[in-house]
Every structure is written in structure tokens, then in C-alpha cells.
């Protein structure tokens, strides 16, 4: 073997060595890239799972808020109904007050004899309505007088 053959064989060996290192380097580079992709996929999956958990929590919070809104809505409806009933009651009381004022004005205009006749007629009407089967509340409403007055007259004439 000559020097030239030895150098040639050396270059060939070095070339083969670089080829093997190149293949190994490419293979290592590919494995590293695959690992990076796998890590990115895992990070992506982790983020997706975190987002899913947050969406579920948000849905739970939505349900809670919706229930609270429904409760408050029902409370408001109840309060509105109570206010409406109270307004009706106030109007009825105002009407009763006006009737009493009118009744008082009429009573002031009458002489004692006329007043006695009127009271007597009123008493007869109360008794007559009771005999016809009306209840005390109905009689008071029909005649526009108080329930206590109707009860008093009926108790006196029983």
C-alpha cells in the first residue's frame, strides 16, 4: 500500500464517517422535531382541557344567575300584586269615606222627626233584606252602611 492509497482510504473512511454522522444527525433532528410536536400537542390538549373546564364553570354560573333572576322576578310580581291589591283597598276606603260624608250631610239636613223616620225605614230595610236571605255583609253593601250597623239592628230586633 502506497501513501496515496492510504490517504485515499483515509479520505474514504472520513467520508463514510461524515455520512454516518449526517444520517445520525438527521435522525436525531427528526426525533427532536417529533418530540417538539408532541410537546406542542400536549400543551394544546392541556389548554383545550382548561378551556373546557372554564366553559363548564361559566355554564354553572349562568344557571345560578338565571335562578336568582327568576327568584327576583317572582318576588317583584308578588310585590306588584300586593301593591295593586292595596290600591284597590285604598280606593274602596275612599269610596266608603265619600259615602259617609254624603250620609252625614244628608243627616244634618234632616229634622229630628225626619231622622227618626229615616232610621226606622233603614231598620225595616235591613230586617227585610235579612228575611229575604241576604247575609250581613251583603246587606251592608246594598244599603251602603257599615257592617256593625247592620249587626246592631239585627241583634236589636231579634
N, C-alpha and C. Protein backbone atom coordinates (compact mmCIF):
# COMPACT_ATOMS: atom_id res chain seq x y z
N UNK A 1 0.82 -1.13 0.00
CA UNK A 1 0.00 0.00 0.00
C UNK A 1 0.89 1.23 0.00
N UNK A 2 0.47 2.04 -0.85
CA UNK A 2 1.25 3.26 -1.00
C UNK A 2 0.59 4.36 -0.18
N UNK A 3 1.30 5.37 -0.09
CA UNK A 3 0.83 6.53 0.66
C UNK A 3 -0.44 7.09 0.07
N UNK A 4 -0.42 7.07 -1.25
CA UNK A 4 -1.62 7.62 -1.90
C UNK A 4 -2.82 6.73 -1.63
N UNK A 5 -2.61 5.48 -1.61
CA UNK A 5 -3.71 4.58 -1.33
C UNK A 5 -4.15 4.75 0.13
N UNK A 6 -3.21 4.95 1.01
CA UNK A 6 -3.53 5.16 2.43
C UNK A 6 -4.32 6.44 2.64
N UNK A 7 -3.90 7.50 1.93
CA UNK A 7 -4.60 8.78 2.03
C UNK A 7 -5.99 8.64 1.43
N UNK A 8 -6.11 7.94 0.33
CA UNK A 8 -7.38 7.74 -0.33
C UNK A 8 -8.31 6.96 0.59
N UNK A 9 -7.73 5.89 1.18
CA UNK A 9 -8.55 5.12 2.10
C UNK A 9 -8.95 5.97 3.32
N UNK A 10 -8.07 6.82 3.74
CA UNK A 10 -8.37 7.71 4.87
C UNK A 10 -9.50 8.67 4.52
N UNK A 11 -9.41 9.25 3.30
CA UNK A 11 -10.49 10.15 2.86
C UNK A 11 -11.82 9.41 2.74
N UNK A 12 -11.72 8.21 2.22
CA UNK A 12 -12.95 7.41 2.08
C UNK A 12 -13.51 7.13 3.47
N UNK A 13 -12.65 6.78 4.42
CA UNK A 13 -13.11 6.49 5.78
C UNK A 13 -13.73 7.75 6.42
N UNK A 14 -13.06 8.89 6.21
CA UNK A 14 -13.58 10.14 6.75
C UNK A 14 -14.93 10.47 6.09
N UNK A 15 -15.03 10.24 4.78
CA UNK A 15 -16.29 10.48 4.07
C UNK A 15 -17.40 9.60 4.60
N UNK A 16 -17.08 8.32 4.79
CA UNK A 16 -18.08 7.39 5.33
C UNK A 16 -18.47 7.84 6.74
N UNK A 17 -17.46 8.27 7.52
CA UNK A 17 -17.73 8.75 8.88
C UNK A 17 -18.69 9.94 8.85
N UNK A 18 -18.45 10.89 7.94
CA UNK A 18 -19.34 12.07 7.84
C UNK A 18 -20.73 11.68 7.36
N UNK A 19 -20.79 10.71 6.47
CA UNK A 19 -22.10 10.24 6.01
C UNK A 19 -22.87 9.63 7.18
N UNK A 20 -22.21 8.81 7.98
CA UNK A 20 -22.86 8.18 9.13
C UNK A 20 -23.29 9.26 10.14
N UNK A 21 -22.41 10.21 10.39
CA UNK A 21 -22.75 11.30 11.30
C UNK A 21 -23.92 12.11 10.74
N UNK A 22 -23.95 12.37 9.43
CA UNK A 22 -25.05 13.10 8.81
C UNK A 22 -26.38 12.38 8.99
N UNK A 23 -26.36 11.04 8.73
CA UNK A 23 -27.59 10.27 8.93
C UNK A 23 -28.03 10.32 10.40
N UNK A 24 -27.08 10.14 11.29
CA UNK A 24 -27.39 10.16 12.71
C UNK A 24 -27.93 11.55 13.11
N UNK A 25 -27.28 12.60 12.59
CA UNK A 25 -27.72 13.96 12.89
C UNK A 25 -29.13 14.21 12.37
N UNK A 26 -29.41 13.78 11.11
CA UNK A 26 -30.75 13.93 10.54
C UNK A 26 -31.78 13.17 11.36
N UNK A 27 -31.40 11.96 11.75
CA UNK A 27 -32.31 11.14 12.54
C UNK A 27 -32.56 11.80 13.90
N UNK A 28 -31.53 12.28 14.54
CA UNK A 28 -31.66 12.96 15.83
C UNK A 28 -32.50 14.22 15.67
N UNK A 29 -32.26 14.95 14.59
CA UNK A 29 -33.03 16.18 14.34
C UNK A 29 -34.52 15.85 14.18
N UNK A 30 -34.81 14.74 13.48
CA UNK A 30 -36.19 14.33 13.27
C UNK A 30 -36.83 13.92 14.60
N UNK A 31 -36.11 13.18 15.43
CA UNK A 31 -36.63 12.76 16.74
C UNK A 31 -36.91 13.99 17.60
N UNK A 32 -36.00 14.95 17.58
CA UNK A 32 -36.19 16.18 18.36
C UNK A 32 -37.42 16.93 17.85
N UNK A 33 -37.56 17.02 16.55
CA UNK A 33 -38.72 17.71 15.97
C UNK A 33 -40.02 16.99 16.35
N UNK A 34 -40.02 15.66 16.30
CA UNK A 34 -41.20 14.89 16.70
C UNK A 34 -41.54 15.12 18.17
N UNK A 35 -40.49 15.19 19.00
CA UNK A 35 -40.71 15.47 20.42
C UNK A 35 -41.30 16.86 20.62
N UNK A 36 -40.81 17.84 19.87
CA UNK A 36 -41.34 19.20 19.96
C UNK A 36 -42.81 19.23 19.55
N UNK A 37 -43.15 18.53 18.47
CA UNK A 37 -44.54 18.47 18.01
C UNK A 37 -45.41 17.80 19.07
N UNK A 38 -44.89 16.73 19.66
CA UNK A 38 -45.63 16.03 20.71
C UNK A 38 -45.85 16.95 21.91
N UNK A 39 -44.81 17.71 22.27
CA UNK A 39 -44.96 18.65 23.38
C UNK A 39 -45.97 19.75 23.05
N UNK A 40 -45.93 20.24 21.80
CA UNK A 40 -46.90 21.26 21.39
C UNK A 40 -48.31 20.69 21.43
N UNK A 41 -48.48 19.44 20.95
CA UNK A 41 -49.80 18.80 21.00
C UNK A 41 -50.27 18.64 22.45
N UNK A 42 -49.37 18.25 23.34
CA UNK A 42 -49.73 18.08 24.74
C UNK A 42 -50.11 19.43 25.36
N UNK A 43 -49.36 20.46 25.03
CA UNK A 43 -49.68 21.80 25.54
C UNK A 43 -51.04 22.25 24.99
N UNK A 44 -51.29 21.95 23.72
CA UNK A 44 -52.57 22.31 23.11
C UNK A 44 -53.71 21.58 23.80
N UNK A 45 -53.53 20.27 24.05
CA UNK A 45 -54.56 19.49 24.73
C UNK A 45 -54.80 20.03 26.14
N UNK A 46 -53.74 20.40 26.81
CA UNK A 46 -53.87 20.96 28.16
C UNK A 46 -54.67 22.25 28.12
N UNK A 47 -54.38 23.10 27.15
CA UNK A 47 -55.13 24.35 27.02
C UNK A 47 -56.59 24.08 26.68
N UNK A 48 -56.85 23.12 25.81
CA UNK A 48 -58.23 22.77 25.46
C UNK A 48 -58.97 22.26 26.69
N UNK A 49 -58.33 21.41 27.49
CA UNK A 49 -58.96 20.91 28.71
C UNK A 49 -59.25 22.05 29.68
N UNK A 50 -58.32 22.98 29.80
CA UNK A 50 -58.51 24.13 30.68
C UNK A 50 -59.68 24.98 30.20
N UNK A 51 -59.75 25.19 28.90
CA UNK A 51 -60.85 25.97 28.32
C UNK A 51 -62.18 25.25 28.56
N UNK A 52 -62.21 23.94 28.39
CA UNK A 52 -63.43 23.17 28.64
C UNK A 52 -63.89 23.32 30.10
N UNK A 53 -62.95 23.27 31.03
CA UNK A 53 -63.29 23.44 32.44
C UNK A 53 -63.88 24.83 32.70
N UNK A 54 -63.28 25.83 32.09
CA UNK A 54 -63.77 27.20 32.27
C UNK A 54 -65.17 27.37 31.69
N UNK A 55 -65.43 26.74 30.55
CA UNK A 55 -66.76 26.82 29.93
C UNK A 55 -67.79 26.15 30.83
N UNK A 56 -67.44 25.01 31.42
CA UNK A 56 -68.36 24.33 32.34
C UNK A 56 -68.64 25.18 33.57
N UNK A 57 -67.60 25.81 34.10
CA UNK A 57 -67.79 26.71 35.25
C UNK A 57 -68.68 27.88 34.87
N UNK A 58 -68.47 28.42 33.69
CA UNK A 58 -69.28 29.54 33.21
C UNK A 58 -70.74 29.12 33.05
N UNK A 59 -70.98 27.92 32.55
CA UNK A 59 -72.35 27.41 32.42
C UNK A 59 -73.01 27.27 33.80
N UNK A 60 -72.25 26.76 34.77
CA UNK A 60 -72.79 26.64 36.13
C UNK A 60 -73.14 28.00 36.68
N UNK A 61 -72.27 28.97 36.48
CA UNK A 61 -72.52 30.33 36.97
C UNK A 61 -73.75 30.93 36.27
N UNK A 62 -73.88 30.66 34.98
CA UNK A 62 -75.05 31.13 34.23
C UNK A 62 -76.33 30.57 34.83
N UNK A 63 -76.33 29.29 35.14
CA UNK A 63 -77.51 28.66 35.74
C UNK A 63 -77.84 29.30 37.09
N UNK A 64 -76.83 29.56 37.89
CA UNK A 64 -77.04 30.20 39.19
C UNK A 64 -77.64 31.59 39.01
N UNK A 65 -77.07 32.38 38.11
CA UNK A 65 -77.56 33.74 37.88
C UNK A 65 -78.99 33.70 37.36
N UNK A 66 -79.29 32.78 36.46
CA UNK A 66 -80.63 32.66 35.90
C UNK A 66 -81.64 32.33 36.99
N UNK A 67 -81.28 31.42 37.90
CA UNK A 67 -82.17 31.08 39.01
C UNK A 67 -82.43 32.29 39.90
N UNK A 68 -81.38 33.05 40.18
CA UNK A 68 -81.53 34.25 41.02
C UNK A 68 -82.43 35.28 40.33
N UNK A 69 -82.25 35.45 39.04
CA UNK A 69 -83.10 36.39 38.29
C UNK A 69 -84.55 35.93 38.34
N UNK A 70 -84.79 34.64 38.18
CA UNK A 70 -86.15 34.12 38.24
C UNK A 70 -86.77 34.35 39.63
N UNK A 71 -85.98 34.13 40.68
CA UNK A 71 -86.49 34.38 42.04
C UNK A 71 -86.87 35.84 42.22
N UNK A 72 -85.99 36.73 41.79
CA UNK A 72 -86.25 38.17 41.95
C UNK A 72 -87.46 38.58 41.12
N UNK A 73 -87.62 37.98 39.94
CA UNK A 73 -88.77 38.29 39.09
C UNK A 73 -90.07 37.89 39.79
N UNK A 74 -90.07 36.70 40.39
CA UNK A 74 -91.26 36.24 41.10
C UNK A 74 -91.56 37.15 42.30
N UNK A 75 -90.50 37.56 43.00
CA UNK A 75 -90.70 38.47 44.14
C UNK A 75 -91.31 39.79 43.67
N UNK A 76 -90.80 40.31 42.55
CA UNK A 76 -91.33 41.57 42.02
C UNK A 76 -92.79 41.43 41.61
N UNK A 77 -93.13 40.33 40.98
CA UNK A 77 -94.52 40.10 40.60
C UNK A 77 -95.42 40.04 41.83
N UNK A 78 -94.94 39.36 42.86
CA UNK A 78 -95.71 39.27 44.10
C UNK A 78 -95.90 40.65 44.70
N UNK A 79 -94.83 41.44 44.77
CA UNK A 79 -94.94 42.79 45.33
C UNK A 79 -95.85 43.67 44.49
N UNK A 80 -95.78 43.53 43.17
CA UNK A 80 -96.66 44.31 42.30
C UNK A 80 -98.11 43.94 42.56
N UNK A 81 -98.38 42.65 42.74
CA UNK A 81 -99.74 42.20 43.02
C UNK A 81 -100.22 42.77 44.36
N UNK A 82 -99.33 42.78 45.36
CA UNK A 82 -99.71 43.34 46.66
C UNK A 82 -100.02 44.83 46.54
N UNK A 83 -99.20 45.54 45.77
CA UNK A 83 -99.43 46.98 45.59
C UNK A 83 -100.77 47.22 44.92
N UNK A 84 -101.08 46.41 43.91
CA UNK A 84 -102.35 46.55 43.20
C UNK A 84 -103.52 46.30 44.16
N UNK A 85 -103.41 45.27 44.99
CA UNK A 85 -104.47 44.99 45.95
C UNK A 85 -104.63 46.12 46.95
N UNK A 86 -103.51 46.67 47.41
CA UNK A 86 -103.57 47.79 48.36
C UNK A 86 -104.19 49.02 47.70
N UNK A 87 -103.88 49.26 46.43
CA UNK A 87 -104.50 50.39 45.72
C UNK A 87 -106.02 50.21 45.66
N UNK A 88 -106.45 48.98 45.35
CA UNK A 88 -107.89 48.71 45.31
C UNK A 88 -108.53 48.95 46.67
N UNK A 89 -107.87 48.48 47.71
CA UNK A 89 -108.40 48.65 49.07
C UNK A 89 -108.49 50.14 49.42
N UNK A 90 -107.48 50.90 49.05
CA UNK A 90 -107.49 52.34 49.32
C UNK A 90 -108.64 53.01 48.58
N UNK A 91 -108.84 52.62 47.32
CA UNK A 91 -109.96 53.20 46.56
C UNK A 91 -111.29 52.86 47.20
N UNK A 92 -111.44 51.62 47.67
CA UNK A 92 -112.69 51.23 48.34
C UNK A 92 -112.90 52.04 49.61
N UNK A 93 -111.84 52.25 50.36
CA UNK A 93 -111.95 53.05 51.59
C UNK A 93 -112.32 54.49 51.23
N UNK A 94 -111.72 55.03 50.18
CA UNK A 94 -112.06 56.39 49.76
C UNK A 94 -113.54 56.49 49.38
N UNK A 95 -114.04 55.48 48.70
CA UNK A 95 -115.46 55.46 48.32
C UNK A 95 -116.33 55.41 49.57
N UNK A 96 -115.95 54.56 50.53
CA UNK A 96 -116.70 54.46 51.79
C UNK A 96 -116.68 55.80 52.53
N UNK A 97 -115.53 56.46 52.55
CA UNK A 97 -115.44 57.77 53.22
C UNK A 97 -116.36 58.77 52.54
N UNK A 98 -116.37 58.76 51.23
CA UNK A 98 -117.23 59.68 50.49
C UNK A 98 -118.71 59.38 50.77
N UNK A 99 -119.07 58.09 50.85
CA UNK A 99 -120.45 57.72 51.18
C UNK A 99 -120.82 58.22 52.56
N UNK A 100 -119.88 58.05 53.52
CA UNK A 100 -120.16 58.51 54.89
C UNK A 100 -120.31 60.02 54.94
N UNK A 101 -119.49 60.73 54.18
CA UNK A 101 -119.61 62.19 54.13
C UNK A 101 -120.98 62.59 53.58
N UNK A 102 -121.37 61.93 52.49
CA UNK A 102 -122.68 62.22 51.89
C UNK A 102 -123.80 61.86 52.87
N UNK A 103 -123.67 60.74 53.54
CA UNK A 103 -124.67 60.31 54.51
C UNK A 103 -124.77 61.31 55.66
N UNK A 104 -123.61 61.82 56.11
CA UNK A 104 -123.60 62.80 57.20
C UNK A 104 -124.26 64.11 56.76
N UNK A 105 -123.95 64.55 55.53
CA UNK A 105 -124.56 65.78 55.02
C UNK A 105 -126.07 65.66 54.93
N UNK A 106 -126.55 64.52 54.47
CA UNK A 106 -127.99 64.29 54.38
C UNK A 106 -128.60 64.27 55.77
N UNK A 107 -127.91 63.61 56.71
CA UNK A 107 -128.42 63.52 58.07
C UNK A 107 -128.48 64.89 58.75
N UNK A 108 -127.53 65.76 58.45
CA UNK A 108 -127.53 67.10 59.05
C UNK A 108 -128.69 67.94 58.54
N UNK A 109 -129.15 67.70 57.32
CA UNK A 109 -130.24 68.46 56.73
C UNK A 109 -131.61 68.04 57.26
N UNK A 110 -131.71 66.88 57.89
CA UNK A 110 -132.99 66.37 58.35
C UNK A 110 -133.33 66.89 59.75
N UNK A 111 -134.63 67.03 59.99
CA UNK A 111 -135.11 67.38 61.33
C UNK A 111 -135.10 66.11 62.17
N UNK A 112 -135.21 66.21 63.47
CA UNK A 112 -135.20 65.01 64.31
C UNK A 112 -136.32 64.04 63.97
N UNK A 113 -137.51 64.57 63.60
CA UNK A 113 -138.61 63.67 63.25
C UNK A 113 -138.31 62.93 61.94
N UNK A 114 -137.75 63.68 60.97
CA UNK A 114 -137.42 63.05 59.69
C UNK A 114 -136.31 62.01 59.87
N UNK A 115 -135.37 62.34 60.77
CA UNK A 115 -134.28 61.43 61.03
C UNK A 115 -134.81 60.14 61.63
N UNK A 116 -135.75 60.24 62.54
CA UNK A 116 -136.33 59.06 63.17
C UNK A 116 -137.04 58.19 62.15
N UNK A 117 -137.76 58.82 61.24
CA UNK A 117 -138.47 58.09 60.17
C UNK A 117 -137.45 57.40 59.27
N UNK A 118 -136.40 58.12 58.96
CA UNK A 118 -135.38 57.56 58.08
C UNK A 118 -134.69 56.36 58.74
N UNK A 119 -134.36 56.49 60.02
CA UNK A 119 -133.72 55.39 60.75
C UNK A 119 -134.66 54.21 60.81
N UNK A 120 -135.93 54.49 61.07
CA UNK A 120 -136.92 53.42 61.14
C UNK A 120 -137.04 52.71 59.80
N UNK A 121 -137.06 53.47 58.70
CA UNK A 121 -137.13 52.88 57.36
C UNK A 121 -135.87 52.07 57.07
N UNK A 122 -134.73 52.58 57.49
CA UNK A 122 -133.46 51.89 57.29
C UNK A 122 -133.46 50.56 58.05
N UNK A 123 -133.97 50.60 59.28
CA UNK A 123 -134.04 49.38 60.08
C UNK A 123 -134.96 48.36 59.43
N UNK A 124 -136.10 48.83 58.92
CA UNK A 124 -137.04 47.92 58.24
C UNK A 124 -136.39 47.31 57.00
N UNK A 125 -135.65 48.12 56.27
CA UNK A 125 -134.99 47.59 55.06
C UNK A 125 -133.96 46.52 55.44
N UNK A 126 -133.21 46.74 56.52
CA UNK A 126 -132.21 45.76 56.97
C UNK A 126 -132.91 44.45 57.32
N UNK A 127 -133.98 44.54 58.10
CA UNK A 127 -134.71 43.33 58.52
C UNK A 127 -135.32 42.66 57.30
N UNK A 128 -135.86 43.44 56.39
CA UNK A 128 -136.48 42.88 55.19
C UNK A 128 -135.45 42.11 54.34
N UNK A 129 -134.30 42.70 54.17
CA UNK A 129 -133.25 42.03 53.38
C UNK A 129 -132.78 40.76 54.08
N UNK A 130 -132.70 40.78 55.41
CA UNK A 130 -132.30 39.58 56.15
C UNK A 130 -133.32 38.49 55.96
N UNK A 131 -134.61 38.86 55.99
CA UNK A 131 -135.68 37.88 55.80
C UNK A 131 -135.66 37.31 54.38
N UNK A 132 -135.14 38.09 53.45
CA UNK A 132 -135.05 37.60 52.07
C UNK A 132 -133.84 36.67 51.88
N UNK A 133 -133.02 36.51 52.92
CA UNK A 133 -131.93 35.55 52.85
C UNK A 133 -130.56 36.16 52.61
N UNK A 134 -130.47 37.47 52.62
CA UNK A 134 -129.17 38.11 52.41
C UNK A 134 -128.30 37.99 53.67
N UNK A 135 -127.01 37.90 53.47
CA UNK A 135 -126.05 37.88 54.57
C UNK A 135 -125.79 39.30 55.04
N UNK A 136 -125.22 39.43 56.23
CA UNK A 136 -124.99 40.74 56.82
C UNK A 136 -124.07 41.61 55.94
N UNK A 137 -123.02 41.01 55.42
CA UNK A 137 -122.11 41.78 54.56
C UNK A 137 -122.81 42.27 53.30
N UNK A 138 -123.66 41.41 52.73
CA UNK A 138 -124.39 41.79 51.52
C UNK A 138 -125.35 42.95 51.81
N UNK A 139 -126.01 42.88 52.96
CA UNK A 139 -126.96 43.94 53.34
C UNK A 139 -126.21 45.27 53.49
N UNK A 140 -125.07 45.22 54.17
CA UNK A 140 -124.28 46.43 54.38
C UNK A 140 -123.86 47.02 53.03
N UNK A 141 -123.49 46.16 52.12
CA UNK A 141 -123.05 46.64 50.80
C UNK A 141 -124.22 47.22 50.00
N UNK A 142 -125.34 46.54 50.04
CA UNK A 142 -126.52 47.01 49.29
C UNK A 142 -126.98 48.37 49.79
N UNK A 143 -127.05 48.53 51.12
CA UNK A 143 -127.57 49.76 51.70
C UNK A 143 -126.50 50.84 51.84
N UNK A 144 -125.25 50.46 51.65
CA UNK A 144 -124.17 51.44 51.75
C UNK A 144 -123.92 51.88 53.18
N UNK A 145 -124.11 50.95 54.12
CA UNK A 145 -123.87 51.28 55.53
C UNK A 145 -122.84 50.29 56.07
N UNK A 146 -122.38 50.54 57.29
CA UNK A 146 -121.37 49.69 57.88
C UNK A 146 -121.92 48.36 58.33
N UNK A 147 -121.05 47.36 58.35
CA UNK A 147 -121.42 46.02 58.78
C UNK A 147 -121.84 46.03 60.26
N UNK A 148 -121.18 46.84 61.08
CA UNK A 148 -121.53 46.94 62.50
C UNK A 148 -122.94 47.44 62.71
N UNK A 149 -123.34 48.41 61.88
CA UNK A 149 -124.70 48.95 62.00
C UNK A 149 -125.72 47.87 61.66
N UNK A 150 -125.45 47.10 60.60
CA UNK A 150 -126.36 46.01 60.20
C UNK A 150 -126.46 44.99 61.33
N UNK A 151 -125.34 44.61 61.93
CA UNK A 151 -125.34 43.63 63.01
C UNK A 151 -126.09 44.16 64.23
N UNK A 152 -125.89 45.43 64.54
CA UNK A 152 -126.57 46.04 65.68
C UNK A 152 -128.08 46.01 65.50
N UNK A 153 -128.55 46.41 64.34
CA UNK A 153 -130.00 46.43 64.07
C UNK A 153 -130.57 45.03 64.14
N UNK A 154 -129.88 44.06 63.53
CA UNK A 154 -130.39 42.68 63.53
C UNK A 154 -130.43 42.12 64.95
N UNK A 155 -129.38 42.44 65.76
CA UNK A 155 -129.36 41.96 67.16
C UNK A 155 -130.47 42.61 67.99
N UNK A 156 -130.78 43.88 67.73
CA UNK A 156 -131.83 44.58 68.47
C UNK A 156 -133.20 44.03 68.15
N UNK A 157 -133.44 43.64 66.92
CA UNK A 157 -134.78 43.21 66.51
C UNK A 157 -134.95 41.68 66.56
N UNK A 158 -133.99 40.96 67.06
CA UNK A 158 -134.15 39.51 67.17
C UNK A 158 -134.88 39.12 68.41
